[in-house]
Amino acid sequence: MANNTPVKVLLALLGLVAAASIILVASYNLTYLKLHRLQSQLMMATNMRGQMNQLVGALGGDLVKYSEKSPAIDPLLRQYGFKQPLTNAAPATAPQR
C-alpha cells in the first residue's frame, strides 16, 4: 500500500491540472465571444459615425452657401470650423529695393 502514495499524488495533480485547464479554456471562449460581439458593435458605431460626418459636412456646405445671402450666420460658421476665422494681420507689402 505504501507504493500507491506517489501514484495517488500524481493522479491528484493530474486532476488539478485538468480542472485548471477546463476553467482556462472556458474563460478564453467566453472572452472570445464577448470580443466578437463587441467588434460587430464597433463596426456599426464606426459606420454610423461616418454617416454622421457626411451629414454634418453636407449641412455645413449648405450653411456656407446660405451665409452668402445672410452673413449674420458667419460667426457661428467660424466658431465651428466651416469658415476660416478672420485675420487682423495687415496685408503683406512687397519689399522695396
PDB file of N, CA and C in Angstrom:
ATOM      1  N   MET A   1       0.802  -1.188   0.000  1.00  0.00           N
ATOM      2  CA  MET A   1       0.000   0.000   0.000  1.00  0.00           C
ATOM      3  C   MET A   1       0.848   1.255   0.000  1.00  0.00           C
ATOM      4  N   ALA A   2       2.035   1.193   0.565  1.00  0.00           N
ATOM      5  CA  ALA A   2       2.901   2.354   0.643  1.00  0.00           C
ATOM      6  C   ALA A   2       3.369   2.790  -0.736  1.00  0.00           C
ATOM      7  N   ASN A   3       3.403   1.880  -1.679  1.00  0.00           N
ATOM      8  CA  ASN A   3       3.857   2.212  -3.030  1.00  0.00           C
ATOM      9  C   ASN A   3       2.804   2.982  -3.816  1.00  0.00           C
ATOM     10  N   ASN A   4       1.566   2.956  -3.396  1.00  0.00           N
ATOM     11  CA  ASN A   4       0.488   3.649  -4.100  1.00  0.00           C
ATOM     12  C   ASN A   4       0.443   5.148  -3.786  1.00  0.00           C
ATOM     13  N   THR A   5       1.144   5.614  -2.781  1.00  0.00           N
ATOM     14  CA  THR A   5       1.119   7.029  -2.411  1.00  0.00           C
ATOM     15  C   THR A   5       1.621   7.934  -3.524  1.00  0.00           C
ATOM     16  N   PRO A   6       2.759   7.651  -4.169  1.00  0.00           N
ATOM     17  CA  PRO A   6       3.174   8.531  -5.273  1.00  0.00           C
ATOM     18  C   PRO A   6       2.180   8.520  -6.430  1.00  0.00           C
ATOM     19  N   VAL A   7       1.563   7.396  -6.678  1.00  0.00           N
ATOM     20  CA  VAL A   7       0.572   7.323  -7.759  1.00  0.00           C
ATOM     21  C   VAL A   7      -0.636   8.181  -7.415  1.00  0.00           C
ATOM     22  N   LYS A   8      -1.078   8.126  -6.175  1.00  0.00           N
ATOM     23  CA  LYS A   8      -2.220   8.938  -5.746  1.00  0.00           C
ATOM     24  C   LYS A   8      -1.906  10.426  -5.840  1.00  0.00           C
ATOM     25  N   VAL A   9      -0.696  10.822  -5.466  1.00  0.00           N
ATOM     26  CA  VAL A   9      -0.286  12.224  -5.541  1.00  0.00           C
ATOM     27  C   VAL A   9      -0.260  12.681  -7.000  1.00  0.00           C
ATOM     28  N   LEU A  10       0.303  11.852  -7.881  1.00  0.00           N
ATOM     29  CA  LEU A  10       0.355  12.210  -9.302  1.00  0.00           C
ATOM     30  C   LEU A  10      -1.041  12.283  -9.913  1.00  0.00           C
ATOM     31  N   LEU A  11      -1.925  11.378  -9.527  1.00  0.00           N
ATOM     32  CA  LEU A  11      -3.303  11.439 -10.034  1.00  0.00           C
ATOM     33  C   LEU A  11      -4.031  12.683  -9.521  1.00  0.00           C
ATOM     34  N   ALA A  12      -3.778  13.058  -8.280  1.00  0.00           N
ATOM     35  CA  ALA A  12      -4.393  14.276  -7.734  1.00  0.00           C
ATOM     36  C   ALA A  12      -3.884  15.506  -8.489  1.00  0.00           C
ATOM     37  N   LEU A  13      -2.570  15.540  -8.762  1.00  0.00           N
ATOM     38  CA  LEU A  13      -2.011  16.660  -9.527  1.00  0.00           C
ATOM     39  C   LEU A  13      -2.576  16.695 -10.941  1.00  0.00           C
ATOM     40  N   LEU A  14      -2.722  15.530 -11.549  1.00  0.00           N
ATOM     41  CA  LEU A  14      -3.304  15.467 -12.890  1.00  0.00           C
ATOM     42  C   LEU A  14      -4.741  15.988 -12.880  1.00  0.00           C
ATOM     43  N   GLY A  15      -5.495  15.632 -11.857  1.00  0.00           N
ATOM     44  CA  GLY A  15      -6.864  16.131 -11.733  1.00  0.00           C
ATOM     45  C   GLY A  15      -6.909  17.644 -11.571  1.00  0.00           C
ATOM     46  N   LEU A  16      -6.002  18.192 -10.753  1.00  0.00           N
ATOM     47  CA  LEU A  16      -5.950  19.649 -10.577  1.00  0.00           C
ATOM     48  C   LEU A  16      -5.581  20.360 -11.868  1.00  0.00           C
ATOM     49  N   VAL A  17      -4.614  19.812 -12.595  1.00  0.00           N
ATOM     50  CA  VAL A  17      -4.206  20.431 -13.866  1.00  0.00           C
ATOM     51  C   VAL A  17      -5.341  20.359 -14.881  1.00  0.00           C
ATOM     52  N   ALA A  18      -6.053  19.242 -14.915  1.00  0.00           N
ATOM     53  CA  ALA A  18      -7.185  19.104 -15.840  1.00  0.00           C
ATOM     54  C   ALA A  18      -8.290  20.102 -15.492  1.00  0.00           C
ATOM     55  N   ALA A  19      -8.582  20.249 -14.206  1.00  0.00           N
ATOM     56  CA  ALA A  19      -9.620  21.203 -13.791  1.00  0.00           C
ATOM     57  C   ALA A  19      -9.208  22.635 -14.135  1.00  0.00           C
ATOM     58  N   ALA A  20      -7.942  22.978 -13.895  1.00  0.00           N
ATOM     59  CA  ALA A  20      -7.466  24.322 -14.222  1.00  0.00           C
ATOM     60  C   ALA A  20      -7.528  24.557 -15.728  1.00  0.00           C
ATOM     61  N   SER A  21      -7.196  23.545 -16.519  1.00  0.00           N
ATOM     62  CA  SER A  21      -7.256  23.676 -17.978  1.00  0.00           C
ATOM     63  C   SER A  21      -8.683  23.922 -18.451  1.00  0.00           C
ATOM     64  N   ILE A  22      -9.629  23.202 -17.871  1.00  0.00           N
ATOM     65  CA  ILE A  22     -11.031  23.384 -18.258  1.00  0.00           C
ATOM     66  C   ILE A  22     -11.496  24.795 -17.918  1.00  0.00           C
ATOM     67  N   ILE A  23     -11.120  25.283 -16.749  1.00  0.00           N
ATOM     68  CA  ILE A  23     -11.513  26.637 -16.343  1.00  0.00           C
ATOM     69  C   ILE A  23     -10.898  27.681 -17.284  1.00  0.00           C
ATOM     70  N   LEU A  24      -9.627  27.511 -17.625  1.00  0.00           N
ATOM     71  CA  LEU A  24      -8.973  28.482 -18.507  1.00  0.00           C
ATOM     72  C   LEU A  24      -9.547  28.452 -19.916  1.00  0.00           C
ATOM     73  N   VAL A  25      -9.856  27.279 -20.427  1.00  0.00           N
ATOM     74  CA  VAL A  25     -10.459  27.177 -21.766  1.00  0.00           C
ATOM     75  C   VAL A  25     -11.841  27.826 -21.781  1.00  0.00           C
ATOM     76  N   ALA A  26     -12.636  27.586 -20.753  1.00  0.00           N
ATOM     77  CA  ALA A  26     -13.968  28.201 -20.680  1.00  0.00           C
ATOM     78  C   ALA A  26     -13.854  29.715 -20.609  1.00  0.00           C
ATOM     79  N   SER A  27     -12.919  30.200 -19.809  1.00  0.00           N
ATOM     80  CA  SER A  27     -12.725  31.644 -19.699  1.00  0.00           C
ATOM     81  C   SER A  27     -12.298  32.242 -21.039  1.00  0.00           C
ATOM     82  N   TYR A  28     -11.398  31.579 -21.736  1.00  0.00           N
ATOM     83  CA  TYR A  28     -10.946  32.054 -23.046  1.00  0.00           C
ATOM     84  C   TYR A  28     -12.098  32.108 -24.035  1.00  0.00           C
ATOM     85  N   ASN A  29     -12.907  31.051 -24.072  1.00  0.00           N
ATOM     86  CA  ASN A  29     -14.029  31.021 -25.014  1.00  0.00           C
ATOM     87  C   ASN A  29     -15.046  32.115 -24.720  1.00  0.00           C
ATOM     88  N   LEU A  30     -15.354  32.347 -23.457  1.00  0.00           N
ATOM     89  CA  LEU A  30     -16.298  33.408 -23.112  1.00  0.00           C
ATOM     90  C   LEU A  30     -15.748  34.780 -23.500  1.00  0.00           C
ATOM     91  N   THR A  31     -14.463  34.981 -23.263  1.00  0.00           N
ATOM     92  CA  THR A  31     -13.844  36.256 -23.629  1.00  0.00           C
ATOM     93  C   THR A  31     -13.850  36.448 -25.141  1.00  0.00           C
ATOM     94  N   TYR A  32     -13.578  35.377 -25.882  1.00  0.00           N
ATOM     95  CA  TYR A  32     -13.593  35.457 -27.342  1.00  0.00           C
ATOM     96  C   TYR A  32     -14.985  35.808 -27.853  1.00  0.00           C
ATOM     97  N   LEU A  33     -16.018  35.206 -27.280  1.00  0.00           N
ATOM     98  CA  LEU A  33     -17.385  35.509 -27.701  1.00  0.00           C
ATOM     99  C   LEU A  33     -17.744  36.967 -27.407  1.00  0.00           C
ATOM    100  N   LYS A  34     -17.330  37.474 -26.251  1.00  0.00           N
ATOM    101  CA  LYS A  34     -17.592  38.878 -25.920  1.00  0.00           C
ATOM    102  C   LYS A  34     -16.885  39.805 -26.906  1.00  0.00           C
ATOM    103  N   LEU A  35     -15.641  39.473 -27.214  1.00  0.00           N
ATOM    104  CA  LEU A  35     -14.875  40.282 -28.157  1.00  0.00           C
ATOM    105  C   LEU A  35     -15.535  40.290 -29.526  1.00  0.00           C
ATOM    106  N   HIS A  36     -15.978  39.138 -29.982  1.00  0.00           N
ATOM    107  CA  HIS A  36     -16.631  39.052 -31.281  1.00  0.00           C
ATOM    108  C   HIS A  36     -17.896  39.911 -31.315  1.00  0.00           C
ATOM    109  N   ARG A  37     -18.674  39.869 -30.223  1.00  0.00           N
ATOM    110  CA  ARG A  37     -19.887  40.684 -30.134  1.00  0.00           C
ATOM    111  C   ARG A  37     -19.549  42.175 -30.141  1.00  0.00           C
ATOM    112  N   LEU A  38     -18.506  42.553 -29.403  1.00  0.00           N
ATOM    113  CA  LEU A  38     -18.124  43.961 -29.334  1.00  0.00           C
ATOM    114  C   LEU A  38     -17.568  44.465 -30.662  1.00  0.00           C
ATOM    115  N   GLN A  39     -16.880  43.599 -31.412  1.00  0.00           N
ATOM    116  CA  GLN A  39     -16.350  44.016 -32.706  1.00  0.00           C
ATOM    117  C   GLN A  39     -17.476  44.368 -33.662  1.00  0.00           C
ATOM    118  N   SER A  40     -18.551  43.591 -33.665  1.00  0.00           N
ATOM    119  CA  SER A  40     -19.668  43.914 -34.550  1.00  0.00           C
ATOM    120  C   SER A  40     -20.319  45.229 -34.127  1.00  0.00           C
ATOM    121  N   GLN A  41     -20.431  45.467 -32.821  1.00  0.00           N
ATOM    122  CA  GLN A  41     -20.991  46.736 -32.355  1.00  0.00           C
ATOM    123  C   GLN A  41     -20.081  47.901 -32.728  1.00  0.00           C
ATOM    124  N   LEU A  42     -18.772  47.690 -32.652  1.00  0.00           N
ATOM    125  CA  LEU A  42     -17.826  48.741 -33.025  1.00  0.00           C
ATOM    126  C   LEU A  42     -17.933  49.067 -34.507  1.00  0.00           C
ATOM    127  N   MET A  43     -18.090  48.056 -35.335  1.00  0.00           N
ATOM    128  CA  MET A  43     -18.235  48.306 -36.768  1.00  0.00           C
ATOM    129  C   MET A  43     -19.505  49.101 -37.051  1.00  0.00           C
ATOM    130  N   MET A  44     -20.594  48.774 -36.358  1.00  0.00           N
ATOM    131  CA  MET A  44     -21.839  49.527 -36.546  1.00  0.00           C
ATOM    132  C   MET A  44     -21.655  50.974 -36.110  1.00  0.00           C
ATOM    133  N   ALA A  45     -21.001  51.186 -34.977  1.00  0.00           N
ATOM    134  CA  ALA A  45     -20.791  52.548 -34.480  1.00  0.00           C
ATOM    135  C   ALA A  45     -19.890  53.328 -35.425  1.00  0.00           C
ATOM    136  N   THR A  46     -18.881  52.674 -35.991  1.00  0.00           N
ATOM    137  CA  THR A  46     -17.981  53.341 -36.927  1.00  0.00           C
ATOM    138  C   THR A  46     -18.732  53.751 -38.188  1.00  0.00           C
ATOM    139  N   ASN A  47     -19.588  52.874 -38.688  1.00  0.00           N
ATOM    140  CA  ASN A  47     -20.392  53.212 -39.868  1.00  0.00           C
ATOM    141  C   ASN A  47     -21.329  54.379 -39.576  1.00  0.00           C
ATOM    142  N   MET A  48     -21.954  54.353 -38.402  1.00  0.00           N
ATOM    143  CA  MET A  48     -22.858  55.447 -38.043  1.00  0.00           C
ATOM    144  C   MET A  48     -22.096  56.757 -37.923  1.00  0.00           C
ATOM    145  N   ARG A  49     -20.879  56.700 -37.375  1.00  0.00           N
ATOM    146  CA  ARG A  49     -20.075  57.920 -37.249  1.00  0.00           C
ATOM    147  C   ARG A  49     -19.723  58.473 -38.623  1.00  0.00           C
ATOM    148  N   GLY A  50     -19.381  57.605 -39.555  1.00  0.00           N
ATOM    149  CA  GLY A  50     -19.085  58.056 -40.910  1.00  0.00           C
ATOM    150  C   GLY A  50     -20.295  58.721 -41.558  1.00  0.00           C
ATOM    151  N   GLN A  51     -21.462  58.130 -41.355  1.00  0.00           N
ATOM    152  CA  GLN A  51     -22.678  58.718 -41.909  1.00  0.00           C
ATOM    153  C   GLN A  51     -22.966  60.077 -41.278  1.00  0.00           C
ATOM    154  N   MET A  52     -22.747  60.191 -39.966  1.00  0.00           N
ATOM    155  CA  MET A  52     -22.972  61.470 -39.291  1.00  0.00           C
ATOM    156  C   MET A  52     -21.989  62.527 -39.802  1.00  0.00           C
ATOM    157  N   ASN A  53     -20.729  62.128 -40.017  1.00  0.00           N
ATOM    158  CA  ASN A  53     -19.747  63.072 -40.550  1.00  0.00           C
ATOM    159  C   ASN A  53     -20.161  63.568 -41.934  1.00  0.00           C
ATOM    160  N   GLN A  54     -20.685  62.672 -42.765  1.00  0.00           N
ATOM    161  CA  GLN A  54     -21.152  63.073 -44.088  1.00  0.00           C
ATOM    162  C   GLN A  54     -22.327  64.046 -43.981  1.00  0.00           C
ATOM    163  N   LEU A  55     -23.259  63.751 -43.069  1.00  0.00           N
ATOM    164  CA  LEU A  55     -24.407  64.639 -42.899  1.00  0.00           C
ATOM    165  C   LEU A  55     -23.990  66.019 -42.390  1.00  0.00           C
ATOM    166  N   VAL A  56     -23.068  66.041 -41.430  1.00  0.00           N
ATOM    167  CA  VAL A  56     -22.608  67.320 -40.893  1.00  0.00           C
ATOM    168  C   VAL A  56     -21.864  68.095 -41.971  1.00  0.00           C
ATOM    169  N   GLY A  57     -21.063  67.404 -42.777  1.00  0.00           N
ATOM    170  CA  GLY A  57     -20.352  68.078 -43.870  1.00  0.00           C
ATOM    171  C   GLY A  57     -21.319  68.665 -44.891  1.00  0.00           C
ATOM    172  N   ALA A  58     -22.348  67.910 -45.235  1.00  0.00           N
ATOM    173  CA  ALA A  58     -23.347  68.413 -46.187  1.00  0.00           C
ATOM    174  C   ALA A  58     -24.099  69.604 -45.603  1.00  0.00           C
ATOM    175  N   LEU A  59     -24.453  69.506 -44.341  1.00  0.00           N
ATOM    176  CA  LEU A  59     -25.141  70.620 -43.692  1.00  0.00           C
ATOM    177  C   LEU A  59     -24.233  71.850 -43.641  1.00  0.00           C
ATOM    178  N   GLY A  60     -22.963  71.639 -43.331  1.00  0.00           N
ATOM    179  CA  GLY A  60     -22.013  72.751 -43.299  1.00  0.00           C
ATOM    180  C   GLY A  60     -21.875  73.404 -44.659  1.00  0.00           C
ATOM    181  N   GLY A  61     -21.830  72.598 -45.710  1.00  0.00           N
ATOM    182  CA  GLY A  61     -21.761  73.160 -47.066  1.00  0.00           C
ATOM    183  C   GLY A  61     -22.996  73.984 -47.392  1.00  0.00           C
ATOM    184  N   ASP A  62     -24.147  73.476 -47.006  1.00  0.00           N
ATOM    185  CA  ASP A  62     -25.385  74.232 -47.241  1.00  0.00           C
ATOM    186  C   ASP A  62     -25.391  75.534 -46.436  1.00  0.00           C
ATOM    187  N   LEU A  63     -24.881  75.489 -45.212  1.00  0.00           N
ATOM    188  CA  LEU A  63     -24.843  76.699 -44.388  1.00  0.00           C
ATOM    189  C   LEU A  63     -23.867  77.730 -44.961  1.00  0.00           C
ATOM    190  N   VAL A  64     -22.761  77.269 -45.515  1.00  0.00           N
ATOM    191  CA  VAL A  64     -21.810  78.208 -46.128  1.00  0.00           C
ATOM    192  C   VAL A  64     -22.466  78.884 -47.331  1.00  0.00           C
ATOM    193  N   LYS A  65     -23.217  78.126 -48.123  1.00  0.00           N
ATOM    194  CA  LYS A  65     -23.932  78.717 -49.259  1.00  0.00           C
ATOM    195  C   LYS A  65     -24.976  79.724 -48.760  1.00  0.00           C
ATOM    196  N   TYR A  66     -25.655  79.372 -47.674  1.00  0.00           N
ATOM    197  CA  TYR A  66     -26.666  80.271 -47.111  1.00  0.00           C
ATOM    198  C   TYR A  66     -26.023  81.546 -46.576  1.00  0.00           C
ATOM    199  N   SER A  67     -24.795  81.426 -46.073  1.00  0.00           N
ATOM    200  CA  SER A  67     -24.137  82.602 -45.497  1.00  0.00           C
ATOM    201  C   SER A  67     -23.803  83.645 -46.560  1.00  0.00           C
ATOM    202  N   GLU A  68     -23.788  83.252 -47.829  1.00  0.00           N
ATOM    203  CA  GLU A  68     -23.571  84.245 -48.899  1.00  0.00           C
ATOM    204  C   GLU A  68     -24.758  85.201 -48.982  1.00  0.00           C
ATOM    205  N   LYS A  69     -25.949  84.702 -48.664  1.00  0.00           N
ATOM    206  CA  LYS A  69     -27.152  85.545 -48.684  1.00  0.00           C
ATOM    207  C   LYS A  69     -27.372  86.226 -47.339  1.00  0.00           C
ATOM    208  N   SER A  70     -26.986  85.568 -46.267  1.00  0.00           N
ATOM    209  CA  SER A  70     -27.203  86.101 -44.930  1.00  0.00           C
ATOM    210  C   SER A  70     -25.906  85.987 -44.124  1.00  0.00           C
ATOM    211  N   PRO A  71     -25.067  87.016 -44.159  1.00  0.00           N
ATOM    212  CA  PRO A  71     -23.774  86.931 -43.483  1.00  0.00           C
ATOM    213  C   PRO A  71     -23.860  86.961 -41.947  1.00  0.00           C
ATOM    214  N   ALA A  72     -25.035  87.104 -41.391  1.00  0.00           N
ATOM    215  CA  ALA A  72     -25.162  87.124 -39.933  1.00  0.00           C
ATOM    216  C   ALA A  72     -24.810  85.768 -39.314  1.00  0.00           C
ATOM    217  N   ILE A  73     -24.814  84.719 -40.108  1.00  0.00           N
ATOM    218  CA  ILE A  73     -24.513  83.381 -39.602  1.00  0.00           C
ATOM    219  C   ILE A  73     -23.005  83.104 -39.597  1.00  0.00           C
ATOM    220  N   ASP A  74     -22.205  83.993 -40.168  1.00  0.00           N
ATOM    221  CA  ASP A  74     -20.759  83.783 -40.279  1.00  0.00           C
ATOM    222  C   ASP A  74     -20.065  83.525 -38.943  1.00  0.00           C
ATOM    223  N   PRO A  75     -20.390  84.234 -37.855  1.00  0.00           N
ATOM    224  CA  PRO A  75     -19.693  83.929 -36.599  1.00  0.00           C
ATOM    225  C   PRO A  75     -19.866  82.478 -36.139  1.00  0.00           C
ATOM    226  N   LEU A  76     -21.053  81.917 -36.328  1.00  0.00           N
ATOM    227  CA  LEU A  76     -21.269  80.512 -35.970  1.00  0.00           C
ATOM    228  C   LEU A  76     -20.467  79.580 -36.874  1.00  0.00           C
ATOM    229  N   LEU A  77     -20.433  79.902 -38.155  1.00  0.00           N
ATOM    230  CA  LEU A  77     -19.676  79.057 -39.081  1.00  0.00           C
ATOM    231  C   LEU A  77     -18.187  79.098 -38.767  1.00  0.00           C
ATOM    232  N   ARG A  78     -17.688  80.258 -38.360  1.00  0.00           N
ATOM    233  CA  ARG A  78     -16.267  80.353 -37.985  1.00  0.00           C
ATOM    234  C   ARG A  78     -16.009  79.608 -36.676  1.00  0.00           C
ATOM    235  N   GLN A  79     -16.964  79.699 -35.748  1.00  0.00           N
ATOM    236  CA  GLN A  79     -16.799  79.043 -34.449  1.00  0.00           C
ATOM    237  C   GLN A  79     -16.704  77.528 -34.604  1.00  0.00           C
ATOM    238  N   TYR A  80     -17.476  76.955 -35.504  1.00  0.00           N
ATOM    239  CA  TYR A  80     -17.491  75.513 -35.664  1.00  0.00           C
ATOM    240  C   TYR A  80     -16.618  75.017 -36.816  1.00  0.00           C
ATOM    241  N   GLY A  81     -15.823  75.896 -37.409  1.00  0.00           N
ATOM    242  CA  GLY A  81     -14.819  75.491 -38.374  1.00  0.00           C
ATOM    243  C   GLY A  81     -15.302  75.305 -39.798  1.00  0.00           C
ATOM    244  N   PHE A  82     -16.468  75.805 -40.146  1.00  0.00           N
ATOM    245  CA  PHE A  82     -16.934  75.695 -41.520  1.00  0.00           C
ATOM    246  C   PHE A  82     -16.389  76.819 -42.391  1.00  0.00           C
ATOM    247  N   LYS A  83     -15.961  77.904 -41.759  1.00  0.00           N
ATOM    248  CA  LYS A  83     -15.333  79.024 -42.466  1.00  0.00           C
ATOM    249  C   LYS A  83     -14.047  79.370 -41.743  1.00  0.00           C
ATOM    250  N   GLN A  84     -13.107  79.941 -42.481  1.00  0.00           N
ATOM    251  CA  GLN A  84     -11.842  80.361 -41.893  1.00  0.00           C
ATOM    252  C   GLN A  84     -12.070  81.573 -40.998  1.00  0.00           C
ATOM    253  N   PRO A  85     -11.385  81.634 -39.862  1.00  0.00           N
ATOM    254  CA  PRO A  85     -11.543  82.803 -38.988  1.00  0.00           C
ATOM    255  C   PRO A  85     -10.943  84.045 -39.645  1.00  0.00           C
ATOM    256  N   LEU A  86     -11.489  85.176 -39.235  1.00  0.00           N
ATOM    257  CA  LEU A  86     -10.970  86.439 -39.749  1.00  0.00           C
ATOM    258  C   LEU A  86      -9.585  86.685 -39.181  1.00  0.00           C
ATOM    259  N   THR A  87      -8.719  87.246 -39.990  1.00  0.00           N
ATOM    260  CA  THR A  87      -7.378  87.596 -39.512  1.00  0.00           C
ATOM    261  C   THR A  87      -7.267  89.101 -39.406  1.00  0.00           C
ATOM    262  N   ASN A  88      -6.575  89.574 -38.382  1.00  0.00           N
ATOM    263  CA  ASN A  88      -6.382  91.001 -38.183  1.00  0.00           C
ATOM    264  C   ASN A  88      -5.017  91.454 -38.675  1.00  0.00           C
ATOM    265  N   ALA A  89      -4.305  90.580 -39.339  1.00  0.00           N
ATOM    266  CA  ALA A  89      -2.955  90.931 -39.809  1.00  0.00           C
ATOM    267  C   ALA A  89      -3.052  91.899 -40.978  1.00  0.00           C
ATOM    268  N   ALA A  90      -2.080  92.791 -41.027  1.00  0.00           N
ATOM    269  CA  ALA A  90      -2.021  93.747 -42.140  1.00  0.00           C
ATOM    270  C   ALA A  90      -1.599  93.001 -43.397  1.00  0.00           C
ATOM    271  N   PRO A  91      -2.061  93.455 -44.540  1.00  0.00           N
ATOM    272  CA  PRO A  91      -1.658  92.778 -45.774  1.00  0.00           C
ATOM    273  C   PRO A  91      -0.146  92.927 -45.991  1.00  0.00           C
ATOM    274  N   ALA A  92       0.427  91.892 -46.508  1.00  0.00           N
ATOM    275  CA  ALA A  92       1.882  91.904 -46.743  1.00  0.00           C
ATOM    276  C   ALA A  92       2.216  92.847 -47.886  1.00  0.00           C
ATOM    277  N   THR A  93       3.287  93.602 -47.723  1.00  0.00           N
ATOM    278  CA  THR A  93       3.732  94.510 -48.795  1.00  0.00           C
ATOM    279  C   THR A  93       5.005  93.940 -49.383  1.00  0.00           C
ATOM    280  N   ALA A  94       5.205  94.273 -50.636  1.00  0.00           N
ATOM    281  CA  ALA A  94       6.405  93.806 -51.308  1.00  0.00           C
ATOM    282  C   ALA A  94       7.605  94.580 -50.774  1.00  0.00           C
ATOM    283  N   PRO A  95       8.731  93.908 -50.573  1.00  0.00           N
ATOM    284  CA  PRO A  95       9.915  94.620 -50.081  1.00  0.00           C
ATOM    285  C   PRO A  95      10.414  95.638 -51.094  1.00  0.00           C
ATOM    286  N   GLN A  96      10.807  96.776 -50.621  1.00  0.00           N
ATOM    287  CA  GLN A  96      11.309  97.831 -51.511  1.00  0.00           C
ATOM    288  C   GLN A  96      12.825  97.671 -51.671  1.00  0.00           C
ATOM    289  N   ARG A  97      13.313  97.964 -52.856  1.00  0.00           N
ATOM    290  CA  ARG A  97      14.743  97.861 -53.127  1.00  0.00           C
ATOM    291  C   ARG A  97      15.343  99.206 -53.385  1.00  0.00           C
TER     292      ARG A  97
END
